[in-house]
Every structure is written in structure tokens, then in C-alpha cells.
PDB file of all heavy atoms in Angstrom:
ATOM      1  N   ALA A   1     249.129 -25.990 -33.932  1.00  0.00           N
ATOM      2  CA  ALA A   1     249.745 -25.783 -35.079  1.00  0.00           C
ATOM      3  C   ALA A   1     248.569 -25.652 -36.223  1.00  0.00           C
ATOM      4  O   ALA A   1     247.632 -26.331 -36.193  1.00  0.00           O
ATOM      5  CB  ALA A   1     250.676 -26.937 -35.449  1.00  0.00           C
ATOM      6  N   HIS A   2     248.733 -24.675 -37.075  1.00  0.00           N
ATOM      7  CA  HIS A   2     247.928 -24.499 -38.193  1.00  0.00           C
ATOM      8  C   HIS A   2     248.539 -23.737 -39.295  1.00  0.00           C
ATOM      9  O   HIS A   2     249.587 -23.257 -39.132  1.00  0.00           O
ATOM     10  CB  HIS A   2     246.619 -23.726 -37.755  1.00  0.00           C
ATOM     11  CG  HIS A   2     246.824 -22.431 -37.141  1.00  0.00           C
ATOM     12  ND1 HIS A   2     247.136 -21.332 -37.810  1.00  0.00           N
ATOM     13  CD2 HIS A   2     246.828 -22.108 -35.740  1.00  0.00           C
ATOM     14  CE1 HIS A   2     247.296 -20.328 -36.932  1.00  0.00           C
ATOM     15  NE2 HIS A   2     247.137 -20.718 -35.740  1.00  0.00           N
ATOM     16  N   ARG A   3     247.910 -23.689 -40.431  1.00  0.00           N
ATOM     17  CA  ARG A   3     248.460 -22.899 -41.670  1.00  0.00           C
ATOM     18  C   ARG A   3     248.552 -21.496 -41.120  1.00  0.00           C
ATOM     19  O   ARG A   3     247.623 -20.944 -40.419  1.00  0.00           O
ATOM     20  CB  ARG A   3     247.411 -23.080 -42.743  1.00  0.00           C
ATOM     21  CG  ARG A   3     247.812 -22.369 -44.055  1.00  0.00           C
ATOM     22  CD  ARG A   3     246.897 -22.612 -45.086  1.00  0.00           C
ATOM     23  NE  ARG A   3     245.428 -22.627 -44.730  1.00  0.00           N
ATOM     24  CZ  ARG A   3     244.574 -21.578 -44.752  1.00  0.00           C
ATOM     25  NH1 ARG A   3     245.048 -20.464 -45.029  1.00  0.00           N
ATOM     26  NH2 ARG A   3     243.308 -21.714 -44.318  1.00  0.00           N
ATOM     27  N   ARG A   4     249.516 -20.740 -41.540  1.00  0.00           N
ATOM     28  CA  ARG A   4     249.670 -19.337 -41.326  1.00  0.00           C
ATOM     29  C   ARG A   4     248.692 -18.437 -42.096  1.00  0.00           C
ATOM     30  O   ARG A   4     248.429 -18.766 -43.227  1.00  0.00           O
ATOM     31  CB  ARG A   4     251.074 -18.977 -41.689  1.00  0.00           C
ATOM     32  CG  ARG A   4     251.337 -17.638 -41.266  1.00  0.00           C
ATOM     33  CD  ARG A   4     252.896 -17.300 -41.331  1.00  0.00           C
ATOM     34  NE  ARG A   4     253.000 -15.844 -40.975  1.00  0.00           N
ATOM     35  CZ  ARG A   4     253.973 -14.960 -41.442  1.00  0.00           C
ATOM     36  NH1 ARG A   4     254.699 -15.387 -42.404  1.00  0.00           N
ATOM     37  NH2 ARG A   4     254.122 -13.856 -40.996  1.00  0.00           N
ATOM     38  N   ARG A   5     248.171 -17.520 -41.277  1.00  0.00           N
ATOM     39  CA  ARG A   5     247.185 -16.584 -42.027  1.00  0.00           C
ATOM     40  C   ARG A   5     247.894 -15.648 -42.874  1.00  0.00           C
ATOM     41  O   ARG A   5     249.166 -15.346 -42.542  1.00  0.00           O
ATOM     42  CB  ARG A   5     246.450 -15.739 -40.976  1.00  0.00           C
ATOM     43  CG  ARG A   5     245.479 -16.464 -40.161  1.00  0.00           C
ATOM     44  CD  ARG A   5     244.843 -15.550 -39.195  1.00  0.00           C
ATOM     45  NE  ARG A   5     243.968 -16.354 -38.247  1.00  0.00           N
ATOM     46  CZ  ARG A   5     242.850 -16.882 -38.482  1.00  0.00           C
ATOM     47  NH1 ARG A   5     242.154 -16.606 -39.757  1.00  0.00           N
ATOM     48  NH2 ARG A   5     242.114 -17.477 -37.644  1.00  0.00           N
ATOM     49  N   PRO A   6     247.407 -15.206 -44.059  1.00  0.00           N
ATOM     50  CA  PRO A   6     248.130 -14.294 -44.897  1.00  0.00           C
ATOM     51  C   PRO A   6     248.259 -12.944 -44.185  1.00  0.00           C
ATOM     52  O   PRO A   6     247.215 -12.547 -43.582  1.00  0.00           O
ATOM     53  CB  PRO A   6     247.401 -14.375 -46.200  1.00  0.00           C
ATOM     54  CG  PRO A   6     246.001 -14.739 -45.740  1.00  0.00           C
ATOM     55  CD  PRO A   6     246.195 -15.674 -44.617  1.00  0.00           C
ATOM     56  N   GLY A   7     249.288 -12.164 -44.560  1.00  0.00           N
ATOM     57  CA  GLY A   7     249.345 -10.866 -44.036  1.00  0.00           C
ATOM     58  C   GLY A   7     248.629  -9.966 -45.001  1.00  0.00           C
ATOM     59  O   GLY A   7     248.269 -10.321 -46.175  1.00  0.00           O
ATOM     60  N   MET A   8     248.360  -8.727 -44.613  1.00  0.00           N
ATOM     61  CA  MET A   8     247.748  -7.710 -45.490  1.00  0.00           C
ATOM     62  C   MET A   8     248.716  -7.394 -46.629  1.00  0.00           C
ATOM     63  O   MET A   8     249.856  -7.200 -46.446  1.00  0.00           O
ATOM     64  CB  MET A   8     247.436  -6.355 -44.642  1.00  0.00           C
ATOM     65  CG  MET A   8     246.726  -5.474 -45.461  1.00  0.00           C
ATOM     66  SD  MET A   8     245.156  -6.103 -46.132  1.00  0.00           S
ATOM     67  CE  MET A   8     244.055  -5.168 -45.000  1.00  0.00           C
ATOM     68  N   ALA A   9     248.147  -7.423 -47.765  1.00  0.00           N
ATOM     69  CA  ALA A   9     248.933  -7.054 -49.049  1.00  0.00           C
ATOM     70  C   ALA A   9     247.955  -6.164 -49.982  1.00  0.00           C
ATOM     71  O   ALA A   9     246.788  -6.458 -49.913  1.00  0.00           O
ATOM     72  CB  ALA A   9     249.385  -8.274 -49.628  1.00  0.00           C
ATOM     73  N   ILE A  10     248.667  -5.373 -50.795  1.00  0.00           N
ATOM     74  CA  ILE A  10     247.870  -4.658 -51.799  1.00  0.00           C
ATOM     75  C   ILE A  10     246.917  -5.493 -52.621  1.00  0.00           C
ATOM     76  O   ILE A  10     245.750  -5.089 -52.759  1.00  0.00           O
ATOM     77  CB  ILE A  10     248.898  -3.790 -52.744  1.00  0.00           C
ATOM     78  CG1 ILE A  10     249.663  -2.869 -51.842  1.00  0.00           C
ATOM     79  CG2 ILE A  10     248.143  -3.167 -53.766  1.00  0.00           C
ATOM     80  CD1 ILE A  10     248.837  -1.896 -51.137  1.00  0.00           C
ATOM     81  N   GLY A  11     247.403  -6.592 -53.058  1.00  0.00           N
ATOM     82  CA  GLY A  11     246.597  -7.674 -53.924  1.00  0.00           C
ATOM     83  C   GLY A  11     245.390  -7.978 -53.134  1.00  0.00           C
ATOM     84  O   GLY A  11     244.214  -8.151 -53.620  1.00  0.00           O
ATOM     85  N   ASN A  12     245.399  -8.243 -51.737  1.00  0.00           N
ATOM     86  CA  ASN A  12     244.269  -8.637 -50.931  1.00  0.00           C
ATOM     87  C   ASN A  12     243.218  -7.487 -51.021  1.00  0.00           C
ATOM     88  O   ASN A  12     241.874  -7.767 -50.996  1.00  0.00           O
ATOM     89  CB  ASN A  12     244.669  -8.877 -49.670  1.00  0.00           C
ATOM     90  CG  ASN A  12     245.573 -10.281 -49.490  1.00  0.00           C
ATOM     91  OD1 ASN A  12     245.721 -10.822 -50.439  1.00  0.00           O
ATOM     92  ND2 ASN A  12     245.937 -10.446 -48.259  1.00  0.00           N
ATOM     93  N   VAL A  13     243.752  -6.247 -50.810  1.00  0.00           N
ATOM     94  CA  VAL A  13     242.840  -5.135 -50.740  1.00  0.00           C
ATOM     95  C   VAL A  13     242.041  -4.886 -52.119  1.00  0.00           C
ATOM     96  O   VAL A  13     240.859  -4.694 -52.121  1.00  0.00           O
ATOM     97  CB  VAL A  13     243.621  -3.735 -50.359  1.00  0.00           C
ATOM     98  CG1 VAL A  13     242.669  -2.669 -50.484  1.00  0.00           C
ATOM     99  CG2 VAL A  13     244.139  -3.893 -49.057  1.00  0.00           C
ATOM    100  N   THR A  14     242.931  -4.983 -53.141  1.00  0.00           N
ATOM    101  CA  THR A  14     242.334  -4.751 -54.504  1.00  0.00           C
ATOM    102  C   THR A  14     241.299  -5.903 -54.838  1.00  0.00           C
ATOM    103  O   THR A  14     240.194  -5.611 -55.188  1.00  0.00           O
ATOM    104  CB  THR A  14     243.370  -4.776 -55.552  1.00  0.00           C
ATOM    105  OG1 THR A  14     244.348  -3.753 -55.213  1.00  0.00           O
ATOM    106  CG2 THR A  14     242.890  -4.681 -56.877  1.00  0.00           C
ATOM    107  N   ALA A  15     241.674  -7.115 -54.525  1.00  0.00           N
ATOM    108  CA  ALA A  15     240.638  -8.188 -54.805  1.00  0.00           C
ATOM    109  C   ALA A  15     239.397  -8.152 -53.939  1.00  0.00           C
ATOM    110  O   ALA A  15     238.267  -8.381 -54.377  1.00  0.00           O
ATOM    111  CB  ALA A  15     241.357  -9.549 -54.465  1.00  0.00           C
ATOM    112  N   ALA A  16     239.606  -7.681 -52.695  1.00  0.00           N
ATOM    113  CA  ALA A  16     238.487  -7.638 -51.767  1.00  0.00           C
ATOM    114  C   ALA A  16     237.497  -6.522 -52.136  1.00  0.00           C
ATOM    115  O   ALA A  16     236.279  -6.622 -52.295  1.00  0.00           O
ATOM    116  CB  ALA A  16     239.031  -7.318 -50.382  1.00  0.00           C
ATOM    117  N   ARG A  17     238.048  -5.359 -52.629  1.00  0.00           N
ATOM    118  CA  ARG A  17     237.213  -4.331 -53.117  1.00  0.00           C
ATOM    119  C   ARG A  17     236.506  -4.752 -54.390  1.00  0.00           C
ATOM    120  O   ARG A  17     235.269  -4.412 -54.581  1.00  0.00           O
ATOM    121  CB  ARG A  17     238.051  -3.016 -53.503  1.00  0.00           C
ATOM    122  CG  ARG A  17     238.480  -2.396 -52.209  1.00  0.00           C
ATOM    123  CD  ARG A  17     239.215  -1.069 -52.426  1.00  0.00           C
ATOM    124  NE  ARG A  17     239.500  -0.357 -51.344  1.00  0.00           N
ATOM    125  CZ  ARG A  17     240.503   0.531 -51.174  1.00  0.00           C
ATOM    126  NH1 ARG A  17     241.227   0.846 -52.096  1.00  0.00           N
ATOM    127  NH2 ARG A  17     240.619   1.111 -49.979  1.00  0.00           N
ATOM    128  N   GLU A  18     237.234  -5.346 -55.339  1.00  0.00           N
ATOM    129  CA  GLU A  18     236.494  -5.842 -56.564  1.00  0.00           C
ATOM    130  C   GLU A  18     235.422  -6.882 -56.219  1.00  0.00           C
ATOM    131  O   GLU A  18     234.343  -6.673 -56.722  1.00  0.00           O
ATOM    132  CB  GLU A  18     237.385  -6.509 -57.518  1.00  0.00           C
ATOM    133  CG  GLU A  18     238.471  -5.424 -58.185  1.00  0.00           C
ATOM    134  CD  GLU A  18     239.540  -6.032 -58.923  1.00  0.00           C
ATOM    135  OE1 GLU A  18     239.660  -7.314 -59.058  1.00  0.00           O
ATOM    136  OE2 GLU A  18     240.451  -5.310 -59.449  1.00  0.00           O
ATOM    137  N   ALA A  19     235.668  -7.809 -55.346  1.00  0.00           N
ATOM    138  CA  ALA A  19     234.691  -8.716 -55.019  1.00  0.00           C
ATOM    139  C   ALA A  19     233.507  -8.045 -54.261  1.00  0.00           C
ATOM    140  O   ALA A  19     232.413  -8.492 -54.357  1.00  0.00           O
ATOM    141  CB  ALA A  19     235.347  -9.808 -54.072  1.00  0.00           C
ATOM    142  N   ALA A  20     233.749  -7.095 -53.531  1.00  0.00           N
ATOM    143  CA  ALA A  20     232.672  -6.275 -52.861  1.00  0.00           C
ATOM    144  C   ALA A  20     231.948  -5.349 -53.664  1.00  0.00           C
ATOM    145  O   ALA A  20     231.039  -4.751 -53.264  1.00  0.00           O
ATOM    146  CB  ALA A  20     233.269  -5.663 -51.565  1.00  0.00           C
ATOM    147  N   GLY A  21     232.329  -5.146 -54.891  1.00  0.00           N
ATOM    148  CA  GLY A  21     231.526  -4.380 -55.783  1.00  0.00           C
ATOM    149  C   GLY A  21     232.285  -2.928 -56.218  1.00  0.00           C
ATOM    150  O   GLY A  21     231.571  -2.106 -56.628  1.00  0.00           O
ATOM    151  N   GLY A  22     233.524  -2.980 -56.202  1.00  0.00           N
ATOM    152  CA  GLY A  22     234.226  -1.823 -56.699  1.00  0.00           C
ATOM    153  C   GLY A  22     235.093  -1.094 -55.684  1.00  0.00           C
ATOM    154  O   GLY A  22     235.007  -1.473 -54.496  1.00  0.00           O
ATOM    155  N   VAL A  23     235.680  -0.052 -56.084  1.00  0.00           N
ATOM    156  CA  VAL A  23     236.610   0.699 -55.260  1.00  0.00           C
ATOM    157  C   VAL A  23     235.953   1.386 -54.075  1.00  0.00           C
ATOM    158  O   VAL A  23     236.512   1.341 -53.010  1.00  0.00           O
ATOM    159  CB  VAL A  23     237.388   1.866 -56.197  1.00  0.00           C
ATOM    160  CG1 VAL A  23     238.145   2.823 -55.376  1.00  0.00           C
ATOM    161  CG2 VAL A  23     238.095   1.203 -57.278  1.00  0.00           C
ATOM    162  N   GLY A  24     234.734   1.835 -54.254  1.00  0.00           N
ATOM    163  CA  GLY A  24     234.105   2.435 -53.076  1.00  0.00           C
ATOM    164  C   GLY A  24     233.378   1.661 -52.213  1.00  0.00           C
ATOM    165  O   GLY A  24     232.757   2.021 -51.200  1.00  0.00           O
ATOM    166  N   ALA A  25     233.499   0.253 -52.289  1.00  0.00           N
ATOM    167  CA  ALA A  25     232.762  -0.654 -51.431  1.00  0.00           C
ATOM    168  C   ALA A  25     233.206  -0.567 -50.110  1.00  0.00           C
ATOM    169  O   ALA A  25     234.433  -0.438 -49.862  1.00  0.00           O
ATOM    170  CB  ALA A  25     232.936  -2.090 -51.981  1.00  0.00           C
ATOM    171  N   ALA A  26     232.263  -0.607 -49.144  1.00  0.00           N
ATOM    172  CA  ALA A  26     232.594  -0.357 -47.642  1.00  0.00           C
ATOM    173  C   ALA A  26     233.075  -1.666 -47.084  1.00  0.00           C
ATOM    174  O   ALA A  26     233.961  -1.602 -46.155  1.00  0.00           O
ATOM    175  CB  ALA A  26     231.427   0.081 -46.942  1.00  0.00           C
ATOM    176  N   ALA A  27     232.657  -2.776 -47.400  1.00  0.00           N
ATOM    177  CA  ALA A  27     232.835  -3.966 -46.733  1.00  0.00           C
ATOM    178  C   ALA A  27     233.569  -5.060 -47.636  1.00  0.00           C
ATOM    179  O   ALA A  27     233.114  -5.218 -48.662  1.00  0.00           O
ATOM    180  CB  ALA A  27     231.689  -4.665 -46.170  1.00  0.00           C
ATOM    181  N   ALA A  28     234.578  -5.648 -47.134  1.00  0.00           N
ATOM    182  CA  ALA A  28     235.240  -6.664 -47.909  1.00  0.00           C
ATOM    183  C   ALA A  28     234.834  -7.993 -47.497  1.00  0.00           C
ATOM    184  O   ALA A  28     234.560  -8.204 -46.319  1.00  0.00           O
ATOM    185  CB  ALA A  28     236.856  -6.534 -47.662  1.00  0.00           C
ATOM    186  N   PRO A  29     234.816  -9.026 -48.326  1.00  0.00           N
ATOM    187  CA  PRO A  29     234.370 -10.351 -47.893  1.00  0.00           C
ATOM    188  C   PRO A  29     235.434 -10.875 -46.901  1.00  0.00           C
ATOM    189  O   PRO A  29     236.586 -10.642 -46.985  1.00  0.00           O
ATOM    190  CB  PRO A  29     234.412 -11.197 -49.277  1.00  0.00           C
ATOM    191  CG  PRO A  29     235.333 -10.396 -50.033  1.00  0.00           C
ATOM    192  CD  PRO A  29     235.128  -9.037 -49.672  1.00  0.00           C
ATOM    193  N   GLU A  30     234.988 -11.805 -45.914  1.00  0.00           N
ATOM    194  CA  GLU A  30     235.833 -12.421 -45.038  1.00  0.00           C
ATOM    195  C   GLU A  30     236.960 -13.206 -45.549  1.00  0.00           C
ATOM    196  O   GLU A  30     237.930 -13.252 -45.054  1.00  0.00           O
ATOM    197  CB  GLU A  30     235.070 -13.128 -43.890  1.00  0.00           C
ATOM    198  CG  GLU A  30     234.122 -12.257 -43.050  1.00  0.00           C
ATOM    199  CD  GLU A  30     233.415 -13.050 -42.009  1.00  0.00           C
ATOM    200  OE1 GLU A  30     234.083 -14.110 -41.566  1.00  0.00           O
ATOM    201  OE2 GLU A  30     232.478 -12.671 -41.623  1.00  0.00           O
ATOM    202  N   SER A  31     236.736 -13.844 -46.716  1.00  0.00           N
ATOM    203  CA  SER A  31     237.559 -14.815 -47.310  1.00  0.00           C
ATOM    204  C   SER A  31     238.768 -14.084 -47.977  1.00  0.00           C
ATOM    205  O   SER A  31     239.657 -14.747 -48.300  1.00  0.00           O
ATOM    206  CB  SER A  31     236.888 -15.583 -48.436  1.00  0.00           C
ATOM    207  OG  SER A  31     236.404 -14.873 -49.367  1.00  0.00           O
ATOM    208  N   ALA A  32     238.756 -12.686 -47.996  1.00  0.00           N
ATOM    209  CA  ALA A  32     239.947 -12.035 -48.606  1.00  0.00           C
ATOM    210  C   ALA A  32     241.194 -12.214 -47.790  1.00  0.00           C
ATOM    211  O   ALA A  32     242.318 -11.902 -48.346  1.00  0.00           O
ATOM    212  CB  ALA A  32     239.586 -10.508 -48.684  1.00  0.00           C
ATOM    213  N   GLY A  33     241.181 -12.574 -46.506  1.00  0.00           N
ATOM    214  CA  GLY A  33     242.375 -12.721 -45.708  1.00  0.00           C
ATOM    215  C   GLY A  33     242.886 -11.421 -45.252  1.00  0.00           C
ATOM    216  O   GLY A  33     242.497 -10.372 -45.532  1.00  0.00           O
ATOM    217  N   GLY A  34     244.136 -11.516 -44.674  1.00  0.00           N
ATOM    218  CA  GLY A  34     244.758 -10.256 -44.132  1.00  0.00           C
ATOM    219  C   GLY A  34     244.352  -9.971 -42.832  1.00  0.00           C
ATOM    220  O   GLY A  34     243.503 -10.546 -42.190  1.00  0.00           O
ATOM    221  N   GLU A  35     244.782  -8.990 -42.369  1.00  0.00           N
ATOM    222  CA  GLU A  35     244.545  -8.244 -41.063  1.00  0.00           C
ATOM    223  C   GLU A  35     243.752  -6.970 -41.156  1.00  0.00           C
ATOM    224  O   GLU A  35     243.827  -6.307 -42.127  1.00  0.00           O
ATOM    225  CB  GLU A  35     245.714  -8.253 -40.133  1.00  0.00           C
ATOM    226  CG  GLU A  35     246.833  -7.194 -40.673  1.00  0.00           C
ATOM    227  CD  GLU A  35     248.051  -7.153 -39.806  1.00  0.00           C
ATOM    228  OE1 GLU A  35     248.783  -8.180 -39.754  1.00  0.00           O
ATOM    229  OE2 GLU A  35     248.199  -6.203 -39.171  1.00  0.00           O
ATOM    230  N   PRO A  36     243.126  -6.550 -40.145  1.00  0.00           N
ATOM    231  CA  PRO A  36     242.481  -5.117 -40.135  1.00  0.00           C
ATOM    232  C   PRO A  36     243.359  -4.047 -40.350  1.00  0.00           C
ATOM    233  O   PRO A  36     244.622  -4.195 -40.044  1.00  0.00           O
ATOM    234  CB  PRO A  36     241.832  -5.138 -38.759  1.00  0.00           C
ATOM    235  CG  PRO A  36     241.797  -6.405 -38.077  1.00  0.00           C
ATOM    236  CD  PRO A  36     242.892  -7.186 -38.831  1.00  0.00           C
ATOM    237  N   ALA A  37     242.911  -3.012 -40.994  1.00  0.00           N
ATOM    238  CA  ALA A  37     243.797  -1.821 -41.222  1.00  0.00           C
ATOM    239  C   ALA A  37     244.277  -1.206 -39.912  1.00  0.00           C
ATOM    240  O   ALA A  37     245.311  -0.652 -40.009  1.00  0.00           O
ATOM    241  CB  ALA A  37     242.989  -0.798 -42.098  1.00  0.00           C
ATOM    242  N   CYS A  38     243.618  -1.243 -38.845  1.00  0.00           N
ATOM    243  CA  CYS A  38     244.031  -0.631 -37.625  1.00  0.00           C
ATOM    244  C   CYS A  38     244.509  -1.765 -36.631  1.00  0.00           C
ATOM    245  O   CYS A  38     244.193  -2.921 -36.803  1.00  0.00           O
ATOM    246  CB  CYS A  38     242.994   0.240 -37.154  1.00  0.00           C
ATOM    247  SG  CYS A  38     241.671  -0.657 -36.156  1.00  0.00           S
ATOM    248  N   MET A  39     245.016  -1.433 -35.484  1.00  0.00           N
ATOM    249  CA  MET A  39     245.456  -2.335 -34.529  1.00  0.00           C
ATOM    250  C   MET A  39     244.575  -2.616 -33.380  1.00  0.00           C
ATOM    251  O   MET A  39     244.879  -3.320 -32.481  1.00  0.00           O
ATOM    252  CB  MET A  39     246.827  -1.880 -33.995  1.00  0.00           C
ATOM    253  CG  MET A  39     247.962  -1.966 -34.923  1.00  0.00           C
ATOM    254  SD  MET A  39     249.614  -2.062 -34.304  1.00  0.00           S
ATOM    255  CE  MET A  39     249.452  -2.728 -32.853  1.00  0.00           C
ATOM    256  N   LEU A  40     243.283  -2.116 -33.486  1.00  0.00           N
ATOM    257  CA  LEU A  40     242.424  -2.191 -32.359  1.00  0.00           C
ATOM    258  C   LEU A  40     242.099  -3.704 -32.118  1.00  0.00           C
ATOM    259  O   LEU A  40     241.912  -4.062 -30.994  1.00  0.00           O
ATOM    260  CB  LEU A  40     241.096  -1.525 -32.614  1.00  0.00           C
ATOM    261  CG  LEU A  40     241.202  -0.001 -32.565  1.00  0.00           C
ATOM    262  CD1 LEU A  40     239.955   0.718 -32.932  1.00  0.00           C
ATOM    263  CD2 LEU A  40     241.682   0.415 -31.179  1.00  0.00           C
ATOM    264  N   GLY A  41     242.118  -4.583 -33.148  1.00  0.00           N
ATOM    265  CA  GLY A  41     241.895  -5.996 -32.861  1.00  0.00           C
ATOM    266  C   GLY A  41     243.070  -6.678 -32.281  1.00  0.00           C
ATOM    267  O   GLY A  41     242.843  -7.937 -31.838  1.00  0.00           O
TER     268      GLY A  41
END
């Protein structure tokens, strides 16, 4: 049993991009939460 991980949300993507340096930033910080954009994981 553990706290549930947050799902991907628009707010998570926006906050991650801003924290990573703007809209064109390639990498989001791990603490942003959510799941990868694709299902390969």
C-alpha cells in the first residue's frame, strides 16, 4: 500500500515545462509526476 501516483494532467505538463526552462524545454524534472506520454514504459 502506498500513496497513489498522480495521473498525467495539463497542469503537470505546463508546470514541468516552466520548471525546465520554458515551452521548448526537452526534459521535465522527475518531481513533476504523471506518466510518460507514450505507453512503452
